[in-house]
């Protein structure tokens, strides 16, 4: 499971980068592109850190950071859609929104499970 999830995070980050390069080249587009890039790529990096956590408490804390970054990514993706900042690639945006929601659900459940263990 961990390896599959690592690959999903890597794929998610790569797709975030591809989408960010397609945003309109205006000050607004550059700002949102930067914010989305930071949040969307750091979720996977923080997940990798969580996999090497030194304790359950450390693991939960790092997963909470992952969840925070995923939620921020989800916000930026929704804003891109709402503001119609992409002229052509709605399918790519919808795919990223769906994957983002799934990753949020997985990480949220993992946090709950890790906190419940004695």
Protein backbone atom coordinates (compact mmCIF):
# COMPACT_ATOMS: atom_id res chain seq x y z
CA UNK A 1 0.00 0.00 0.00
CA UNK A 2 2.72 2.50 0.97
CA UNK A 3 4.55 2.06 -2.32
CA UNK A 4 1.33 2.44 -4.31
CA UNK A 5 0.48 5.57 -2.38
CA UNK A 6 3.98 6.95 -2.92
CA UNK A 7 3.51 6.44 -6.65
CA UNK A 8 0.11 8.14 -6.54
CA UNK A 9 1.65 11.14 -4.79
CA UNK A 10 4.45 11.26 -7.34
CA UNK A 11 1.98 11.09 -10.22
CA UNK A 12 -0.21 13.73 -8.57
CA UNK A 13 2.78 16.09 -8.20
CA UNK A 14 3.83 15.54 -11.82
CA UNK A 15 0.31 16.31 -13.02
CA UNK A 16 0.17 19.41 -10.82
CA UNK A 17 3.36 20.65 -12.49
CA UNK A 18 1.96 19.97 -15.95
CA UNK A 19 -1.24 21.82 -15.14
CA UNK A 20 0.60 24.75 -13.53
CA UNK A 21 2.59 25.34 -16.71
CA UNK A 22 -0.70 25.71 -18.64
CA UNK A 23 -2.07 28.52 -16.47
CA UNK A 24 -2.45 31.90 -18.10
CA UNK A 25 0.75 33.94 -18.08
CA UNK A 26 -0.49 36.90 -16.05
CA UNK A 27 0.42 38.02 -12.53
CA UNK A 28 -2.66 36.14 -11.24
CA UNK A 29 -1.83 32.99 -13.20
CA UNK A 30 1.78 33.06 -11.98
CA UNK A 31 0.68 33.57 -8.36
CA UNK A 32 -1.79 30.68 -8.41
CA UNK A 33 0.66 28.50 -10.33
CA UNK A 34 3.29 29.06 -7.63
CA UNK A 35 0.88 28.39 -4.77
CA UNK A 36 -0.49 25.25 -6.40
CA UNK A 37 2.99 24.00 -7.26
CA UNK A 38 4.22 24.43 -3.68
CA UNK A 39 1.22 22.72 -2.07
CA UNK A 40 0.74 20.03 -4.71
CA UNK A 41 4.33 18.88 -4.74
CA UNK A 42 4.98 19.12 -1.01
CA UNK A 43 2.16 16.72 -0.13
CA UNK A 44 4.10 13.80 -1.58
CA UNK A 45 7.40 14.91 -0.08
CA UNK A 46 5.78 15.14 3.34
CA UNK A 47 4.19 11.73 2.84
CA UNK A 48 7.65 10.27 2.21
CA UNK A 49 8.80 11.90 5.46
CA UNK A 50 5.84 10.36 7.28
CA UNK A 51 6.88 6.93 6.02
CA UNK A 52 10.18 7.41 7.84
CA UNK A 53 8.63 8.80 11.02
CA UNK A 54 10.42 8.09 14.28
CA UNK A 55 7.28 7.47 16.35
CA UNK A 56 3.53 7.18 15.96
CA UNK A 57 3.15 10.75 17.18
CA UNK A 58 5.66 11.93 14.56
CA UNK A 59 3.86 9.85 11.91
CA UNK A 60 0.48 11.41 12.76
CA UNK A 61 1.96 14.90 12.79
CA UNK A 62 3.55 14.43 9.37
CA UNK A 63 0.35 12.98 7.94
CA UNK A 64 -1.49 16.04 9.24
CA UNK A 65 0.95 18.21 7.27
CA UNK A 66 0.23 16.06 4.19
CA UNK A 67 -3.50 16.58 4.71
CA UNK A 68 -3.02 20.33 5.08
CA UNK A 69 -1.09 20.52 1.79
CA UNK A 70 -3.68 18.38 0.00
CA UNK A 71 -6.50 20.61 1.22
CA UNK A 72 -4.62 23.69 0.06
CA UNK A 73 -4.04 22.07 -3.36
CA UNK A 74 -7.73 21.30 -3.57
CA UNK A 75 -8.54 24.95 -2.90
CA UNK A 76 -6.24 26.18 -5.67
CA UNK A 77 -7.60 23.63 -8.15
CA UNK A 78 -11.16 24.69 -7.36
CA UNK A 79 -10.19 28.34 -7.75
CA UNK A 80 -8.64 27.63 -11.15
CA UNK A 81 -11.90 26.00 -12.21
CA UNK A 82 -14.13 28.72 -10.71
CA UNK A 83 -12.11 31.55 -12.29
CA UNK A 84 -11.78 29.68 -15.61
CA UNK A 85 -8.02 30.17 -15.65
CA UNK A 86 -7.45 27.23 -17.98
CA UNK A 87 -8.59 27.74 -21.51
CA UNK A 88 -8.50 24.17 -22.72
CA UNK A 89 -7.76 21.32 -20.33
CA UNK A 90 -10.90 20.80 -18.24
CA UNK A 91 -10.44 17.03 -18.29
CA UNK A 92 -6.98 17.27 -16.74
CA UNK A 93 -8.33 19.63 -14.08
CA UNK A 94 -11.28 17.35 -13.29
CA UNK A 95 -8.95 14.34 -13.05
CA UNK A 96 -6.69 16.22 -10.62
CA UNK A 97 -9.65 17.34 -8.51
CA UNK A 98 -10.88 13.75 -8.28
CA UNK A 99 -7.45 12.37 -7.36
CA UNK A 100 -6.94 15.18 -4.84
CA UNK A 101 -10.24 14.31 -3.10
CA UNK A 102 -9.30 10.62 -3.00
CA UNK A 103 -5.88 11.38 -1.50
CA UNK A 104 -7.51 13.62 1.11
CA UNK A 105 -9.85 10.76 2.07
CA UNK A 106 -7.03 8.23 2.29
CA UNK A 107 -4.80 10.45 4.42
CA UNK A 108 -7.66 11.57 6.69
CA UNK A 109 -8.60 7.93 7.33
CA UNK A 110 -4.93 7.04 7.93
CA UNK A 111 -4.69 9.77 10.57
CA UNK A 112 -7.82 8.51 12.31
CA UNK A 113 -6.51 4.92 12.23
CA UNK A 114 -3.06 5.90 13.50
CA UNK A 115 -4.52 7.95 16.35
CA UNK A 116 -6.84 5.08 17.39
CA UNK A 117 -4.05 2.54 17.77
CA UNK A 118 -2.88 1.98 21.35
